[in-house]
Amino acid sequence: MRSVQRGEWPTGNNGSRISFQPYQKAKDHLIERIGEYCSYCERCGDLAVEHVIPKSKAENLETEWSNLLLGCVNCNSRKSNKNNSRDGYLWPDCDDTFNAFVYHESGRVSVNEGLAGDEHHKASALFDLVGLGAEGTSMDKRQRKRREAWNTAAKYRDSIHDDNSADKSREIEIRELAIKNALGIGFFSVWMTVFHDDEDMRQRLTEAFAGTRTG
């Protein structure tokens, strides 16, 4: 799960904070800052503004910039208003969620068993909250889409490794095309896993996906 940084509250030309009333007005600003991807499953497109702490549990945070992320219909509906606060969970805008989960070729996701006790507990809580491990259905295509992303990334990885040309421009072209496709389909963590031993591609991916937090 990509760790993100949304940055400071957006301001207008006069330097004052932009009002997010209604909260849906924050969507374009969030996309500009962290890309058009679900903050939880990382799929691209078809997103809504997501409240980290549900607005039904904290009305004062309904239009608070620091409480807003982007969520797909599946993660949003799974999460709903089940959490009362941030406590007890990892969150992509403030925790190291990138190392919290393991992505598999099958499209399955699992909690990283190497996490320390408290971190593992919080990662598991978020995993369950948004249904990250849900089996694919006709209404929930997250697992299938992750598998498709893996297959696409693997094709680019193999093309790079199989390119024996002395002309490095061809390899660079493949890498750039891979990034273009990654941005188009999302699933940052899948791409990073497939290219786990290719530092150049991992750096390119990190720089290409807006708002990726590395520290």
Protein backbone atom coordinates (compact mmCIF):
# COMPACT_ATOMS: atom_id res chain seq x y z
CA MET A 1 0.00 0.00 0.00
CA ARG A 2 1.64 3.18 -1.23
CA SER A 3 2.53 5.67 1.49
CA VAL A 4 1.36 9.13 0.41
CA GLN A 5 1.82 12.76 1.35
CA ARG A 6 -1.02 15.12 0.47
CA GLY A 7 0.92 18.21 1.53
CA GLU A 8 -0.34 21.38 3.13
CA TRP A 9 -3.93 22.58 2.82
CA PRO A 10 -4.38 24.01 -0.72
CA THR A 11 -4.69 27.77 -0.94
CA GLY A 12 -6.21 30.16 -3.44
CA ASN A 13 -4.58 33.06 -5.28
CA ASN A 14 -5.03 35.26 -2.21
CA GLY A 15 -3.15 32.79 -0.03
CA SER A 16 -6.17 31.74 2.02
CA ARG A 17 -7.24 28.14 2.49
CA ILE A 18 -9.63 26.78 -0.11
CA SER A 19 -12.99 25.80 1.35
CA PHE A 20 -14.01 22.19 0.83
CA GLN A 21 -17.68 22.75 1.40
CA PRO A 22 -19.03 20.37 0.28
CA TYR A 23 -16.16 17.95 0.86
CA GLN A 24 -16.38 16.60 -2.70
CA LYS A 25 -14.65 19.80 -3.83
CA ALA A 26 -11.41 18.37 -2.44
CA LYS A 27 -11.30 15.57 -5.02
CA ASP A 28 -9.42 17.41 -7.77
CA HIS A 29 -6.91 18.77 -5.26
CA LEU A 30 -6.31 15.29 -3.85
CA ILE A 31 -5.81 13.86 -7.34
CA GLU A 32 -3.32 16.62 -8.10
CA ARG A 33 -1.38 15.88 -4.91
CA ILE A 34 -1.47 12.06 -4.67
CA GLY A 35 -2.63 10.88 -8.08
CA GLU A 36 -5.89 9.37 -9.27
CA TYR A 37 -5.57 6.16 -7.28
CA CYS A 38 -7.39 4.58 -4.37
CA SER A 39 -5.37 5.31 -1.26
CA TYR A 40 -5.91 1.74 -0.06
CA CYS A 41 -6.01 -0.77 -2.94
CA GLU A 42 -4.18 1.55 -5.39
CA ARG A 43 -6.50 0.98 -8.35
CA CYS A 44 -6.83 3.81 -10.85
CA GLY A 45 -9.95 5.88 -11.42
CA ASP A 46 -13.61 5.77 -10.32
CA LEU A 47 -12.79 7.40 -6.99
CA ALA A 48 -14.57 9.37 -4.30
CA VAL A 49 -13.30 11.54 -1.48
CA GLU A 50 -12.72 9.24 1.50
CA HIS A 51 -12.82 10.28 5.15
CA VAL A 52 -10.12 8.60 7.24
CA ILE A 53 -12.24 9.18 10.32
CA PRO A 54 -15.83 8.77 9.08
CA LYS A 55 -17.81 11.97 8.92
CA SER A 56 -20.58 10.28 10.89
CA LYS A 57 -18.12 9.85 13.76
CA ALA A 58 -16.49 13.29 13.55
CA GLU A 59 -18.62 15.91 11.80
CA ASN A 60 -15.99 18.58 12.49
CA LEU A 61 -13.55 16.68 10.24
CA GLU A 62 -15.90 16.36 7.25
CA THR A 63 -14.09 19.09 5.30
CA GLU A 64 -10.72 18.89 7.08
CA TRP A 65 -7.93 18.46 4.51
CA SER A 66 -5.85 16.20 6.76
CA ASN A 67 -8.77 13.78 7.08
CA LEU A 68 -9.34 13.30 3.36
CA LEU A 69 -7.98 10.64 1.03
CA LEU A 70 -9.27 8.94 -2.14
CA GLY A 71 -11.14 5.65 -2.12
CA CYS A 72 -12.61 3.30 -4.72
CA VAL A 73 -16.15 1.99 -4.38
CA ASN A 74 -14.99 -1.34 -2.92
CA CYS A 75 -12.61 0.04 -0.29
CA ASN A 76 -15.08 2.80 0.59
CA SER A 77 -18.01 0.44 1.03
CA ARG A 78 -15.93 -2.05 3.04
CA LYS A 79 -14.56 0.64 5.33
CA SER A 80 -17.83 2.56 5.61
CA ASN A 81 -18.01 4.06 9.13
CA LYS A 82 -16.55 1.09 11.00
CA ASN A 83 -13.59 2.90 12.58
CA ASN A 84 -14.16 5.52 15.25
CA SER A 85 -10.70 7.10 15.01
CA ARG A 86 -7.22 6.61 13.56
CA ASP A 87 -6.14 4.65 16.62
CA GLY A 88 -5.34 0.99 16.12
CA TYR A 89 -4.71 1.16 12.39
CA LEU A 90 -1.91 2.01 9.98
CA TRP A 91 -2.79 4.80 7.54
CA PRO A 92 -1.16 5.54 4.17
CA ASP A 93 -0.87 9.27 4.85
CA CYS A 94 1.15 8.95 8.05
CA ASP A 95 2.51 5.39 8.45
CA ASP A 96 4.81 3.06 6.54
CA THR A 97 2.05 1.14 4.80
CA PHE A 98 4.35 0.31 1.87
CA ASN A 99 6.21 -2.33 3.90
CA ALA A 100 3.10 -3.49 5.75
CA PHE A 101 1.72 -5.77 3.05
CA VAL A 102 2.99 -8.43 0.65
CA TYR A 103 1.73 -8.59 -2.93
CA HIS A 104 1.51 -11.93 -4.74
CA GLU A 105 1.45 -12.95 -8.40
CA SER A 106 -2.06 -14.36 -7.95
CA GLY A 107 -3.38 -10.91 -7.08
CA ARG A 108 -3.65 -11.82 -3.43
CA VAL A 109 -2.40 -9.50 -0.70
CA SER A 110 -1.28 -10.52 2.78
CA VAL A 111 -0.03 -8.77 5.90
CA ASN A 112 3.76 -8.76 6.20
CA GLU A 113 4.52 -11.37 8.85
CA GLY A 114 7.86 -9.71 9.53
CA LEU A 115 6.23 -6.72 11.21
CA ALA A 116 6.67 -6.19 14.93
CA GLY A 117 3.72 -6.98 17.17
CA ASP A 118 1.98 -3.60 17.36
CA GLU A 119 2.68 -2.77 13.71
CA HIS A 120 1.38 -6.17 12.63
CA HIS A 121 -1.78 -5.65 14.67
CA LYS A 122 -2.41 -2.23 13.11
CA ALA A 123 -1.63 -3.47 9.61
CA SER A 124 -4.04 -6.38 10.08
CA ALA A 125 -6.71 -3.99 11.32
CA LEU A 126 -6.44 -1.84 8.18
CA PHE A 127 -6.26 -4.97 6.00
CA ASP A 128 -9.59 -6.13 7.43
CA LEU A 129 -11.13 -2.65 7.50
CA VAL A 130 -10.92 -2.12 3.74
CA GLY A 131 -11.15 -5.80 2.79
CA LEU A 132 -7.77 -5.84 1.10
CA GLY A 133 -7.71 -9.63 1.14
CA ALA A 134 -11.21 -10.11 -0.24
CA GLU A 135 -11.65 -12.79 -2.89
CA GLY A 136 -12.60 -11.48 -6.31
CA THR A 137 -16.28 -11.33 -7.28
CA SER A 138 -18.29 -9.75 -10.08
CA MET A 139 -18.71 -6.74 -7.80
CA ASP A 140 -15.17 -6.66 -6.39
CA LYS A 141 -12.50 -6.91 -9.08
CA ARG A 142 -9.57 -5.69 -6.99
CA GLN A 143 -7.82 -9.07 -6.84
CA ARG A 144 -8.27 -9.66 -10.57
CA LYS A 145 -7.01 -6.19 -11.42
CA ARG A 146 -3.93 -6.72 -9.26
CA ARG A 147 -3.22 -9.98 -11.08
CA GLU A 148 -3.59 -8.24 -14.44
CA ALA A 149 -1.25 -5.46 -13.30
CA TRP A 150 1.29 -8.08 -12.18
CA ASN A 151 1.17 -9.78 -15.58
CA THR A 152 1.64 -6.47 -17.38
CA ALA A 153 4.55 -5.45 -15.16
CA ALA A 154 6.17 -8.87 -15.59
CA LYS A 155 6.06 -8.52 -19.38
CA TYR A 156 7.97 -5.25 -19.17
CA ARG A 157 10.42 -6.72 -16.67
CA ASP A 158 11.11 -9.65 -18.98
CA SER A 159 11.46 -7.37 -22.00
CA ILE A 160 14.08 -5.33 -20.17
CA HIS A 161 15.99 -8.41 -19.03
CA ASP A 162 15.82 -10.07 -22.46
CA ASP A 163 17.04 -7.01 -24.34
CA ASN A 164 20.61 -7.84 -25.33
CA SER A 165 20.99 -4.87 -27.61
CA ALA A 166 24.12 -2.77 -27.18
CA ASP A 167 21.93 0.26 -27.85
CA LYS A 168 20.66 1.30 -24.42
CA SER A 169 18.09 3.63 -25.97
CA ARG A 170 15.81 0.63 -26.56
CA GLU A 171 15.97 -0.35 -22.88
CA ILE A 172 15.21 3.22 -21.84
CA GLU A 173 12.25 3.24 -24.21
CA ILE A 174 10.87 0.06 -22.62
CA ARG A 175 11.30 1.51 -19.13
CA GLU A 176 9.51 4.72 -20.08
CA LEU A 177 6.66 2.76 -21.67
CA ALA A 178 6.40 0.64 -18.54
CA ILE A 179 6.02 3.76 -16.40
CA LYS A 180 3.35 5.12 -18.74
CA ASN A 181 1.39 1.89 -18.40
CA ALA A 182 1.87 1.78 -14.63
CA LEU A 183 0.40 5.26 -14.30
CA GLY A 184 -2.53 4.24 -16.46
CA ILE A 185 -3.53 1.17 -14.46
CA GLY A 186 -2.25 1.91 -10.96
CA PHE A 187 -1.30 -0.71 -8.35
CA PHE A 188 2.00 0.92 -7.45
CA SER A 189 2.93 -1.78 -4.93
CA VAL A 190 2.44 -4.54 -7.50
CA TRP A 191 4.85 -2.82 -9.90
CA MET A 192 7.35 -2.21 -7.11
CA THR A 193 7.17 -5.88 -6.15
CA VAL A 194 7.66 -7.14 -9.70
CA PHE A 195 10.67 -4.81 -10.06
CA HIS A 196 11.97 -5.55 -6.56
CA ASP A 197 15.53 -6.07 -7.83
CA ASP A 198 15.59 -3.17 -10.32
CA GLU A 199 16.49 0.02 -8.47
CA ASP A 200 16.22 2.15 -11.60
CA MET A 201 12.61 1.12 -12.20
CA ARG A 202 11.70 1.48 -8.54
CA GLN A 203 13.09 5.01 -8.54
CA ARG A 204 11.23 5.84 -11.74
CA LEU A 205 7.98 4.51 -10.27
CA THR A 206 8.42 6.41 -7.02
CA GLU A 207 9.04 9.67 -8.88
CA ALA A 208 6.25 9.11 -11.41
CA PHE A 209 3.42 8.45 -8.93
CA ALA A 210 2.52 11.85 -7.51
CA GLY A 211 2.66 12.24 -3.75
CA THR A 212 4.53 9.02 -3.01
CA ARG A 213 6.08 9.30 0.45
CA THR A 214 9.45 7.60 0.87
CA GLY A 215 10.47 8.73 4.35
